[in-house]
Amino acid sequence: MNDYLLSVLLGIVEGLTEFLPVSSTAHLRITEALLHISLSSPYWKMYTIVIQLGAILALLLLFLVRIVAFVRTFPHGESGSKRWWNHPLSLTMMAFVCTAVPSLLLIKTIGKNLENLTVMAWALVGGGIVMWVVDIASTQRECSTRDVEQMSLSQAIWIGLCQVTSAVVPGVSRSMSTIAAGQLAGMTRPAALEFSFLLSIPTMIAATGYSLLKALRPHDLPGAEAITPLVMTTHGWIVLAIGFVVSFIVAYAVVEWFLRWVRTRGFTIFAIYRIVVGTAILLWGRHLL
C-alpha cells in the first residue's frame, strides 16, 4: 500500500479510537499487523507515538472553553464553595499523580506486552464485560455526582488508580478504565466521561512526551532503549504530517459525537464491540495476523 494512503488509514484509526473506550493501542497494533507493518520498525514506532499528539490537540481545542472556566474559578469553583484541594483542576492533577507514580514504578512491566496481540484481545473482552456490567448497574441506581464540580477527592484518587490498569495491560483502554471507575464511584455517565477527558489531557501529554524522550534520547532515561537506527527523510516527514493532521481532524469529530451519544445511549455498544473484536482475534487472529 502507498505510504500516504497508509498514513491516512492509521491516522483515521488513531483519531477514531483514542477517546472511545475501545483501546487505540490495540486497534493500531491490529491494523499494523493486518497491513504487515513491522511492529519493531523504528519509524513506525515513532509514528504511532507522534500521531497521538494530533488527537491530544483536538481534545485541547474542544475543551479549551471549559478549561479556561476552571482556571478562572480556581480555587473556589463556580459555586464559590470549593477549596484548592477539591477544585476540578486540583482533582484532575491529583488523579494524574495517582496514575503517573505507579506507572513509573511499573515501567518495566508496562513494556512487556505492548506488542502482544493475545494479551490485548483478552483485555478487550474482559474490559468490554466490565464496562457493560458497570454501565447497566449505574443506570439502576441514583448517581450522587452529576457534574465534575461535585466530585470528591476520594473519587479522583480512585479514578487515577484505576487508570493504571490501562497502562499496565494494553487493550484495557484508558477511557474505559476511567469511565467505568467514575460510574462505580457514583458519577453519572456525562460526569464520568467529562472527567475522563480532562484526565486524559495531562496523562496523554506526559505519556507521549515520555515515549518520545525514551525513543529519541534514551541516554536521559535509565534502562531505556532507543528506536534506532531512525533516519528521517522528506518522505518520512510528509507521511508523519499526514497521520498527525488526519488524527487531529478525526478525533475532533469523534469526541463531539461521543459526548452526544453517551448522554442518551450509554456505553453498551462499545462494550459489545470490544467483546466481538477481542473474541475474533482470539479465534482467528493467529491466521489473519
C-alpha atoms as a PDB file:
ATOM      1  CA  MET A   1       0.000   0.000   0.000  1.00  0.00           C
ATOM      2  CA  ASN A   2       1.143   3.543  -0.769  1.00  0.00           C
ATOM      3  CA  ASP A   3       2.706   5.120   2.334  1.00  0.00           C
ATOM      4  CA  TYR A   4       0.497   8.211   2.082  1.00  0.00           C
ATOM      5  CA  LEU A   5      -2.693   6.150   1.991  1.00  0.00           C
ATOM      6  CA  LEU A   6      -1.321   4.011   4.798  1.00  0.00           C
ATOM      7  CA  SER A   7      -0.742   7.134   6.898  1.00  0.00           C
ATOM      8  CA  VAL A   8      -4.288   8.326   6.243  1.00  0.00           C
ATOM      9  CA  LEU A   9      -5.652   4.941   7.362  1.00  0.00           C
ATOM     10  CA  LEU A  10      -3.567   4.842  10.549  1.00  0.00           C
ATOM     11  CA  GLY A  11      -4.483   8.459  11.312  1.00  0.00           C
ATOM     12  CA  ILE A  12      -8.163   7.565  10.998  1.00  0.00           C
ATOM     13  CA  VAL A  13      -7.734   4.560  13.309  1.00  0.00           C
ATOM     14  CA  GLU A  14      -5.923   6.689  15.915  1.00  0.00           C
ATOM     15  CA  GLY A  15      -8.453   9.524  15.729  1.00  0.00           C
ATOM     16  CA  LEU A  16     -11.415   7.150  15.910  1.00  0.00           C
ATOM     17  CA  THR A  17     -10.214   5.059  18.833  1.00  0.00           C
ATOM     18  CA  GLU A  18      -8.097   7.324  21.056  1.00  0.00           C
ATOM     19  CA  PHE A  19     -11.015   8.668  23.096  1.00  0.00           C
ATOM     20  CA  LEU A  20     -13.552   5.894  22.582  1.00  0.00           C
ATOM     21  CA  PRO A  21     -13.425   3.137  25.251  1.00  0.00           C
ATOM     22  CA  VAL A  22     -12.116   0.551  22.769  1.00  0.00           C
ATOM     23  CA  SER A  23      -8.301   0.915  23.095  1.00  0.00           C
ATOM     24  CA  SER A  24      -6.403   2.851  20.436  1.00  0.00           C
ATOM     25  CA  THR A  25      -3.240   0.851  21.220  1.00  0.00           C
ATOM     26  CA  ALA A  26      -4.918  -2.451  20.378  1.00  0.00           C
ATOM     27  CA  HIS A  27      -6.506  -1.076  17.203  1.00  0.00           C
ATOM     28  CA  LEU A  28      -3.262   0.430  15.929  1.00  0.00           C
ATOM     29  CA  ARG A  29      -1.392  -2.815  16.586  1.00  0.00           C
ATOM     30  CA  ILE A  30      -4.096  -4.894  14.898  1.00  0.00           C
ATOM     31  CA  THR A  31      -4.150  -2.559  11.886  1.00  0.00           C
ATOM     32  CA  GLU A  32      -0.360  -2.616  11.604  1.00  0.00           C
ATOM     33  CA  ALA A  33      -0.368  -6.413  11.782  1.00  0.00           C
ATOM     34  CA  LEU A  34      -3.102  -6.726   9.151  1.00  0.00           C
ATOM     35  CA  LEU A  35      -1.157  -4.395   6.846  1.00  0.00           C
ATOM     36  CA  HIS A  36       2.081  -6.287   7.578  1.00  0.00           C
ATOM     37  CA  ILE A  37       3.839  -3.284   9.091  1.00  0.00           C
ATOM     38  CA  SER A  38       6.765  -4.410  11.201  1.00  0.00           C
ATOM     39  CA  LEU A  39       5.910  -3.746  14.847  1.00  0.00           C
ATOM     40  CA  SER A  40       9.628  -3.436  15.542  1.00  0.00           C
ATOM     41  CA  SER A  41      10.226  -0.831  12.799  1.00  0.00           C
ATOM     42  CA  PRO A  42      11.909   2.278  14.308  1.00  0.00           C
ATOM     43  CA  TYR A  43       9.989   4.644  12.041  1.00  0.00           C
ATOM     44  CA  TRP A  44       6.526   3.194  12.643  1.00  0.00           C
ATOM     45  CA  LYS A  45       7.132   3.004  16.392  1.00  0.00           C
ATOM     46  CA  MET A  46       7.911   6.726  16.379  1.00  0.00           C
ATOM     47  CA  TYR A  47       4.984   7.380  14.020  1.00  0.00           C
ATOM     48  CA  THR A  48       2.380   5.811  16.336  1.00  0.00           C
ATOM     49  CA  ILE A  49       3.666   7.971  19.195  1.00  0.00           C
ATOM     50  CA  VAL A  50       3.602  11.258  17.282  1.00  0.00           C
ATOM     51  CA  ILE A  51       0.137  10.936  15.719  1.00  0.00           C
ATOM     52  CA  GLN A  52      -1.295  10.727  19.253  1.00  0.00           C
ATOM     53  CA  LEU A  53      -0.317  14.390  19.577  1.00  0.00           C
ATOM     54  CA  GLY A  54      -2.875  15.214  16.876  1.00  0.00           C
ATOM     55  CA  ALA A  55      -5.631  13.627  18.951  1.00  0.00           C
ATOM     56  CA  ILE A  56      -4.431  15.459  22.081  1.00  0.00           C
ATOM     57  CA  LEU A  57      -4.529  18.797  20.255  1.00  0.00           C
ATOM     58  CA  ALA A  58      -8.102  18.117  19.129  1.00  0.00           C
ATOM     59  CA  LEU A  59      -9.193  17.425  22.710  1.00  0.00           C
ATOM     60  CA  LEU A  60      -7.467  20.571  23.989  1.00  0.00           C
ATOM     61  CA  LEU A  61      -9.323  22.709  21.465  1.00  0.00           C
ATOM     62  CA  LEU A  62     -12.682  21.093  22.234  1.00  0.00           C
ATOM     63  CA  PHE A  63     -12.271  21.568  25.988  1.00  0.00           C
ATOM     64  CA  LEU A  64     -10.494  24.928  25.853  1.00  0.00           C
ATOM     65  CA  VAL A  65     -13.534  26.932  26.993  1.00  0.00           C
ATOM     66  CA  ARG A  66     -14.208  24.505  29.836  1.00  0.00           C
ATOM     67  CA  ILE A  67     -10.562  24.527  30.937  1.00  0.00           C
ATOM     68  CA  VAL A  68     -10.433  28.330  30.865  1.00  0.00           C
ATOM     69  CA  ALA A  69     -13.595  28.410  33.011  1.00  0.00           C
ATOM     70  CA  PHE A  70     -11.949  26.108  35.552  1.00  0.00           C
ATOM     71  CA  VAL A  71      -8.842  28.292  35.643  1.00  0.00           C
ATOM     72  CA  ARG A  72     -10.962  31.424  36.061  1.00  0.00           C
ATOM     73  CA  THR A  73     -12.907  29.982  39.020  1.00  0.00           C
ATOM     74  CA  PHE A  74      -9.885  28.484  40.793  1.00  0.00           C
ATOM     75  CA  PRO A  75      -9.705  27.887  43.755  1.00  0.00           C
ATOM     76  CA  HIS A  76     -13.308  28.462  44.892  1.00  0.00           C
ATOM     77  CA  GLY A  77     -15.177  26.926  41.937  1.00  0.00           C
ATOM     78  CA  GLU A  78     -18.326  28.090  40.156  1.00  0.00           C
ATOM     79  CA  SER A  79     -20.399  27.837  43.328  1.00  0.00           C
ATOM     80  CA  GLY A  80     -17.782  29.537  45.487  1.00  0.00           C
ATOM     81  CA  SER A  81     -17.798  26.638  47.946  1.00  0.00           C
ATOM     82  CA  LYS A  82     -14.653  24.819  46.807  1.00  0.00           C
ATOM     83  CA  ARG A  83     -11.183  24.758  48.304  1.00  0.00           C
ATOM     84  CA  TRP A  84      -7.979  24.468  46.304  1.00  0.00           C
ATOM     85  CA  TRP A  85      -7.703  20.743  47.030  1.00  0.00           C
ATOM     86  CA  ASN A  86     -11.216  19.796  45.771  1.00  0.00           C
ATOM     87  CA  HIS A  87     -11.437  22.134  42.790  1.00  0.00           C
ATOM     88  CA  PRO A  88     -11.808  20.246  39.445  1.00  0.00           C
ATOM     89  CA  LEU A  89      -8.330  21.339  38.300  1.00  0.00           C
ATOM     90  CA  SER A  90      -6.731  20.061  41.505  1.00  0.00           C
ATOM     91  CA  LEU A  91      -8.713  16.828  41.371  1.00  0.00           C
ATOM     92  CA  THR A  92      -7.565  16.281  37.769  1.00  0.00           C
ATOM     93  CA  MET A  93      -3.919  16.734  38.721  1.00  0.00           C
ATOM     94  CA  MET A  94      -4.273  14.540  41.821  1.00  0.00           C
ATOM     95  CA  ALA A  95      -5.819  11.772  39.718  1.00  0.00           C
ATOM     96  CA  PHE A  96      -2.964  12.198  37.242  1.00  0.00           C
ATOM     97  CA  VAL A  97      -0.365  11.807  40.018  1.00  0.00           C
ATOM     98  CA  CYS A  98      -2.156   8.660  41.210  1.00  0.00           C
ATOM     99  CA  THR A  99      -1.719   7.292  37.679  1.00  0.00           C
ATOM    100  CA  ALA A 100       1.783   8.576  36.950  1.00  0.00           C
ATOM    101  CA  VAL A 101       3.593   7.400  40.084  1.00  0.00           C
ATOM    102  CA  PRO A 102       2.508   3.700  39.932  1.00  0.00           C
ATOM    103  CA  SER A 103       3.012   3.699  36.145  1.00  0.00           C
ATOM    104  CA  LEU A 104       6.610   4.899  36.520  1.00  0.00           C
ATOM    105  CA  LEU A 105       7.246   2.257  39.190  1.00  0.00           C
ATOM    106  CA  LEU A 106       5.810  -0.415  36.881  1.00  0.00           C
ATOM    107  CA  ILE A 107       7.563   0.837  33.729  1.00  0.00           C
ATOM    108  CA  LYS A 108       9.337  -2.482  33.083  1.00  0.00           C
ATOM    109  CA  THR A 109       6.078  -4.423  33.402  1.00  0.00           C
ATOM    110  CA  ILE A 110       4.315  -1.993  31.068  1.00  0.00           C
ATOM    111  CA  GLY A 111       6.780  -2.617  28.247  1.00  0.00           C
ATOM    112  CA  LYS A 112       6.411  -6.405  28.265  1.00  0.00           C
ATOM    113  CA  ASN A 113       3.080  -6.771  26.434  1.00  0.00           C
ATOM    114  CA  LEU A 114       2.889  -3.672  24.214  1.00  0.00           C
ATOM    115  CA  GLU A 115       3.062  -5.826  21.076  1.00  0.00           C
ATOM    116  CA  ASN A 116       1.282  -8.929  22.417  1.00  0.00           C
ATOM    117  CA  LEU A 117      -1.986  -9.201  20.498  1.00  0.00           C
ATOM    118  CA  THR A 118      -3.221 -12.111  22.630  1.00  0.00           C
ATOM    119  CA  VAL A 119      -2.996 -10.016  25.799  1.00  0.00           C
ATOM    120  CA  MET A 120      -4.770  -7.174  24.018  1.00  0.00           C
ATOM    121  CA  ALA A 121      -7.545  -9.494  22.853  1.00  0.00           C
ATOM    122  CA  TRP A 122      -8.208 -10.785  26.372  1.00  0.00           C
ATOM    123  CA  ALA A 123      -8.128  -7.200  27.670  1.00  0.00           C
ATOM    124  CA  LEU A 124     -10.682  -6.147  25.049  1.00  0.00           C
ATOM    125  CA  VAL A 125     -13.039  -8.955  26.054  1.00  0.00           C
ATOM    126  CA  GLY A 126     -12.588  -8.510  29.806  1.00  0.00           C
ATOM    127  CA  GLY A 127     -12.851  -4.731  29.601  1.00  0.00           C
ATOM    128  CA  GLY A 128     -15.984  -4.999  27.486  1.00  0.00           C
ATOM    129  CA  ILE A 129     -17.683  -7.236  30.045  1.00  0.00           C
ATOM    130  CA  VAL A 130     -16.709  -4.922  32.917  1.00  0.00           C
ATOM    131  CA  MET A 131     -17.889  -1.816  31.087  1.00  0.00           C
ATOM    132  CA  TRP A 132     -21.212  -3.450  30.140  1.00  0.00           C
ATOM    133  CA  VAL A 133     -21.954  -4.623  33.687  1.00  0.00           C
ATOM    134  CA  VAL A 134     -20.936  -1.308  35.267  1.00  0.00           C
ATOM    135  CA  ASP A 135     -22.965   0.760  32.791  1.00  0.00           C
ATOM    136  CA  ILE A 136     -26.115  -1.308  33.380  1.00  0.00           C
ATOM    137  CA  ALA A 137     -25.645  -1.170  37.156  1.00  0.00           C
ATOM    138  CA  SER A 138     -25.144   2.609  37.138  1.00  0.00           C
ATOM    139  CA  THR A 139     -28.463   3.159  35.354  1.00  0.00           C
ATOM    140  CA  GLN A 140     -30.314   1.204  38.030  1.00  0.00           C
ATOM    141  CA  ARG A 141     -29.241   3.393  40.927  1.00  0.00           C
ATOM    142  CA  GLU A 142     -29.263   7.086  41.753  1.00  0.00           C
ATOM    143  CA  CYS A 143     -25.912   8.683  40.962  1.00  0.00           C
ATOM    144  CA  SER A 144     -24.845  11.297  43.506  1.00  0.00           C
ATOM    145  CA  THR A 145     -22.281  13.074  41.297  1.00  0.00           C
ATOM    146  CA  ARG A 146     -23.814  14.719  38.240  1.00  0.00           C
ATOM    147  CA  ASP A 147     -21.017  17.157  37.403  1.00  0.00           C
ATOM    148  CA  VAL A 148     -17.250  17.316  37.878  1.00  0.00           C
ATOM    149  CA  GLU A 149     -17.847  20.313  40.175  1.00  0.00           C
ATOM    150  CA  GLN A 150     -19.476  17.876  42.621  1.00  0.00           C
ATOM    151  CA  MET A 151     -16.574  15.393  42.638  1.00  0.00           C
ATOM    152  CA  SER A 152     -14.716  14.459  45.805  1.00  0.00           C
ATOM    153  CA  LEU A 153     -11.017  13.869  46.367  1.00  0.00           C
ATOM    154  CA  SER A 154     -11.593  10.159  47.003  1.00  0.00           C
ATOM    155  CA  GLN A 155     -13.363   9.779  43.633  1.00  0.00           C
ATOM    156  CA  ALA A 156     -10.448  11.433  41.818  1.00  0.00           C
ATOM    157  CA  ILE A 157      -7.875   9.234  43.567  1.00  0.00           C
ATOM    158  CA  TRP A 158      -9.914   6.098  42.782  1.00  0.00           C
ATOM    159  CA  ILE A 159     -10.207   7.006  39.080  1.00  0.00           C
ATOM    160  CA  GLY A 160      -6.497   7.816  38.839  1.00  0.00           C
ATOM    161  CA  LEU A 161      -5.527   4.477  40.376  1.00  0.00           C
ATOM    162  CA  CYS A 162      -7.900   2.577  38.075  1.00  0.00           C
ATOM    163  CA  GLN A 163      -6.317   4.267  35.059  1.00  0.00           C
ATOM    164  CA  VAL A 164      -3.060   2.471  35.885  1.00  0.00           C
ATOM    165  CA  THR A 165      -4.619  -0.756  34.580  1.00  0.00           C
ATOM    166  CA  SER A 166      -4.735   0.708  31.074  1.00  0.00           C
ATOM    167  CA  ALA A 167      -1.014   1.466  31.243  1.00  0.00           C
ATOM    168  CA  VAL A 168      -0.027  -1.965  32.551  1.00  0.00           C
ATOM    169  CA  VAL A 169      -2.336  -4.026  30.314  1.00  0.00           C
ATOM    170  CA  PRO A 170      -2.538  -2.863  26.667  1.00  0.00           C
ATOM    171  CA  GLY A 171      -6.049  -3.218  25.324  1.00  0.00           C
ATOM    172  CA  VAL A 172      -7.803  -2.227  28.550  1.00  0.00           C
ATOM    173  CA  SER A 173      -8.273   1.361  27.263  1.00  0.00           C
ATOM    174  CA  ARG A 174      -7.635   4.479  29.274  1.00  0.00           C
ATOM    175  CA  SER A 175     -11.144   5.772  28.528  1.00  0.00           C
ATOM    176  CA  MET A 176     -12.800   2.509  29.561  1.00  0.00           C
ATOM    177  CA  SER A 177     -10.926   2.282  32.865  1.00  0.00           C
ATOM    178  CA  THR A 178     -11.618   5.889  33.893  1.00  0.00           C
ATOM    179  CA  ILE A 179     -15.261   5.949  32.772  1.00  0.00           C
ATOM    180  CA  ALA A 180     -16.095   2.641  34.486  1.00  0.00           C
ATOM    181  CA  ALA A 181     -14.231   3.765  37.619  1.00  0.00           C
ATOM    182  CA  GLY A 182     -16.212   7.003  37.660  1.00  0.00           C
ATOM    183  CA  GLN A 183     -19.516   5.181  37.323  1.00  0.00           C
ATOM    184  CA  LEU A 184     -18.562   2.768  40.114  1.00  0.00           C
ATOM    185  CA  ALA A 185     -17.797   5.807  42.279  1.00  0.00           C
ATOM    186  CA  GLY A 186     -21.327   7.153  41.816  1.00  0.00           C
ATOM    187  CA  MET A 187     -20.849   9.506  38.856  1.00  0.00           C
ATOM    188  CA  THR A 188     -23.341   9.875  36.027  1.00  0.00           C
ATOM    189  CA  ARG A 189     -22.300   8.932  32.502  1.00  0.00           C
ATOM    190  CA  PRO A 190     -21.717  12.571  31.375  1.00  0.00           C
ATOM    191  CA  ALA A 191     -19.774  13.422  34.553  1.00  0.00           C
ATOM    192  CA  ALA A 192     -17.593  10.305  34.317  1.00  0.00           C
ATOM    193  CA  LEU A 193     -16.966  10.973  30.628  1.00  0.00           C
ATOM    194  CA  GLU A 194     -16.039  14.629  31.142  1.00  0.00           C
ATOM    195  CA  PHE A 195     -13.589  13.823  33.923  1.00  0.00           C
ATOM    196  CA  SER A 196     -12.133  11.031  31.787  1.00  0.00           C
ATOM    197  CA  PHE A 197     -11.466  13.580  29.031  1.00  0.00           C
ATOM    198  CA  LEU A 198      -9.996  16.122  31.465  1.00  0.00           C
ATOM    199  CA  LEU A 199      -7.712  13.500  32.993  1.00  0.00           C
ATOM    200  CA  SER A 200      -6.628  12.277  29.567  1.00  0.00           C
ATOM    201  CA  ILE A 201      -5.056  15.664  28.728  1.00  0.00           C
ATOM    202  CA  PRO A 202      -2.167  15.612  31.248  1.00  0.00           C
ATOM    203  CA  THR A 203      -1.974  11.803  31.061  1.00  0.00           C
ATOM    204  CA  MET A 204      -1.562  11.684  27.275  1.00  0.00           C
ATOM    205  CA  ILE A 205       0.808  14.642  27.166  1.00  0.00           C
ATOM    206  CA  ALA A 206       3.027  13.024  29.807  1.00  0.00           C
ATOM    207  CA  ALA A 207       2.850   9.522  28.286  1.00  0.00           C
ATOM    208  CA  THR A 208       3.518  10.737  24.745  1.00  0.00           C
ATOM    209  CA  GLY A 209       6.325  13.024  25.876  1.00  0.00           C
ATOM    210  CA  TYR A 210       7.929  10.212  27.881  1.00  0.00           C
ATOM    211  CA  SER A 211       7.648   7.806  24.938  1.00  0.00           C
ATOM    212  CA  LEU A 212       9.271  10.306  22.572  1.00  0.00           C
ATOM    213  CA  LEU A 213      12.072  11.076  25.034  1.00  0.00           C
ATOM    214  CA  LYS A 214      12.666   7.362  25.614  1.00  0.00           C
ATOM    215  CA  ALA A 215      12.770   6.740  21.871  1.00  0.00           C
ATOM    216  CA  LEU A 216      14.883   9.694  20.770  1.00  0.00           C
ATOM    217  CA  ARG A 217      17.063  10.378  23.844  1.00  0.00           C
ATOM    218  CA  PRO A 218      17.349   7.048  25.686  1.00  0.00           C
ATOM    219  CA  HIS A 219      20.539   8.107  27.488  1.00  0.00           C
ATOM    220  CA  ASP A 220      18.416  10.586  29.505  1.00  0.00           C
ATOM    221  CA  LEU A 221      16.317   7.751  30.935  1.00  0.00           C
ATOM    222  CA  PRO A 222      17.947   4.807  32.763  1.00  0.00           C
ATOM    223  CA  GLY A 223      17.252   1.481  31.102  1.00  0.00           C
ATOM    224  CA  ALA A 224      15.549   2.976  28.033  1.00  0.00           C
ATOM    225  CA  GLU A 225      16.325   1.642  24.575  1.00  0.00           C
ATOM    226  CA  ALA A 226      16.443   3.845  21.504  1.00  0.00           C
ATOM    227  CA  ILE A 227      14.335   3.072  18.453  1.00  0.00           C
ATOM    228  CA  THR A 228      17.354   3.281  16.211  1.00  0.00           C
ATOM    229  CA  PRO A 229      18.522   3.497  13.555  1.00  0.00           C
ATOM    230  CA  LEU A 230      15.938   6.204  12.802  1.00  0.00           C
ATOM    231  CA  VAL A 231      16.711   8.309   9.761  1.00  0.00           C
ATOM    232  CA  MET A 232      14.071  10.870   8.778  1.00  0.00           C
ATOM    233  CA  THR A 233      13.711  11.745   5.099  1.00  0.00           C
ATOM    234  CA  THR A 234      11.414  14.259   3.390  1.00  0.00           C
ATOM    235  CA  HIS A 235       9.111  11.386   2.516  1.00  0.00           C
ATOM    236  CA  GLY A 236       9.064  10.264   6.149  1.00  0.00           C
ATOM    237  CA  TRP A 237       8.191  13.757   7.404  1.00  0.00           C
ATOM    238  CA  ILE A 238       5.304  14.041   4.906  1.00  0.00           C
ATOM    239  CA  VAL A 239       3.900  10.650   5.915  1.00  0.00           C
ATOM    240  CA  LEU A 240       4.149  11.671   9.580  1.00  0.00           C
ATOM    241  CA  ALA A 241       2.449  15.021   8.950  1.00  0.00           C
ATOM    242  CA  ILE A 242      -0.441  13.332   7.118  1.00  0.00           C
ATOM    243  CA  GLY A 243      -1.053  10.968  10.037  1.00  0.00           C
ATOM    244  CA  PHE A 244      -0.895  13.849  12.532  1.00  0.00           C
ATOM    245  CA  VAL A 245      -3.416  16.003  10.636  1.00  0.00           C
ATOM    246  CA  VAL A 246      -5.819  13.140   9.924  1.00  0.00           C
ATOM    247  CA  SER A 247      -5.683  12.045  13.562  1.00  0.00           C
ATOM    248  CA  PHE A 248      -6.496  15.605  14.683  1.00  0.00           C
ATOM    249  CA  ILE A 249      -9.476  16.003  12.328  1.00  0.00           C
ATOM    250  CA  VAL A 250     -10.999  12.602  13.072  1.00  0.00           C
ATOM    251  CA  ALA A 251     -10.504  12.889  16.849  1.00  0.00           C
ATOM    252  CA  TYR A 252     -12.133  16.336  16.862  1.00  0.00           C
ATOM    253  CA  ALA A 253     -15.244  14.960  15.157  1.00  0.00           C
ATOM    254  CA  VAL A 254     -15.358  11.769  17.220  1.00  0.00           C
ATOM    255  CA  VAL A 255     -15.219  13.473  20.630  1.00  0.00           C
ATOM    256  CA  GLU A 256     -18.176  15.742  19.819  1.00  0.00           C
ATOM    257  CA  TRP A 257     -20.189  12.780  18.540  1.00  0.00           C
ATOM    258  CA  PHE A 258     -19.201  10.614  21.515  1.00  0.00           C
ATOM    259  CA  LEU A 259     -20.384  13.223  24.022  1.00  0.00           C
ATOM    260  CA  ARG A 260     -23.813  13.405  22.367  1.00  0.00           C
ATOM    261  CA  TRP A 261     -24.132   9.620  22.051  1.00  0.00           C
ATOM    262  CA  VAL A 262     -23.271   8.806  25.668  1.00  0.00           C
ATOM    263  CA  ARG A 263     -25.754  11.278  27.130  1.00  0.00           C
ATOM    264  CA  THR A 264     -28.655   9.339  25.598  1.00  0.00           C
ATOM    265  CA  ARG A 265     -27.448   5.826  24.772  1.00  0.00           C
ATOM    266  CA  GLY A 266     -24.632   4.877  27.157  1.00  0.00           C
ATOM    267  CA  PHE A 267     -21.676   2.553  26.568  1.00  0.00           C
ATOM    268  CA  THR A 268     -23.348  -0.768  25.716  1.00  0.00           C
ATOM    269  CA  ILE A 269     -22.498  -0.671  22.011  1.00  0.00           C
ATOM    270  CA  PHE A 270     -18.806  -0.120  22.785  1.00  0.00           C
ATOM    271  CA  ALA A 271     -18.802  -2.989  25.288  1.00  0.00           C
ATOM    272  CA  ILE A 272     -20.312  -5.352  22.700  1.00  0.00           C
ATOM    273  CA  TYR A 273     -17.840  -4.153  20.070  1.00  0.00           C
ATOM    274  CA  ARG A 274     -14.894  -4.840  22.386  1.00  0.00           C
ATOM    275  CA  ILE A 275     -16.124  -8.357  23.147  1.00  0.00           C
ATOM    276  CA  VAL A 276     -16.693  -9.163  19.456  1.00  0.00           C
ATOM    277  CA  VAL A 277     -13.304  -7.820  18.304  1.00  0.00           C
ATOM    278  CA  GLY A 278     -11.401  -9.447  21.172  1.00  0.00           C
ATOM    279  CA  THR A 279     -13.096 -12.808  20.589  1.00  0.00           C
ATOM    280  CA  ALA A 280     -12.399 -12.621  16.845  1.00  0.00           C
ATOM    281  CA  ILE A 281      -8.700 -12.050  17.481  1.00  0.00           C
ATOM    282  CA  LEU A 282      -8.533 -14.967  19.912  1.00  0.00           C
ATOM    283  CA  LEU A 283     -10.293 -17.303  17.447  1.00  0.00           C
ATOM    284  CA  TRP A 284      -8.810 -16.230  14.118  1.00  0.00           C
ATOM    285  CA  GLY A 285      -6.063 -13.746  14.911  1.00  0.00           C
ATOM    286  CA  ARG A 286      -3.211 -16.228  14.573  1.00  0.00           C
ATOM    287  CA  HIS A 287      -4.236 -16.954  10.964  1.00  0.00           C
ATOM    288  CA  LEU A 288      -5.127 -13.417   9.962  1.00  0.00           C
ATOM    289  CA  LEU A 289      -2.340 -11.513  11.720  1.00  0.00           C
END
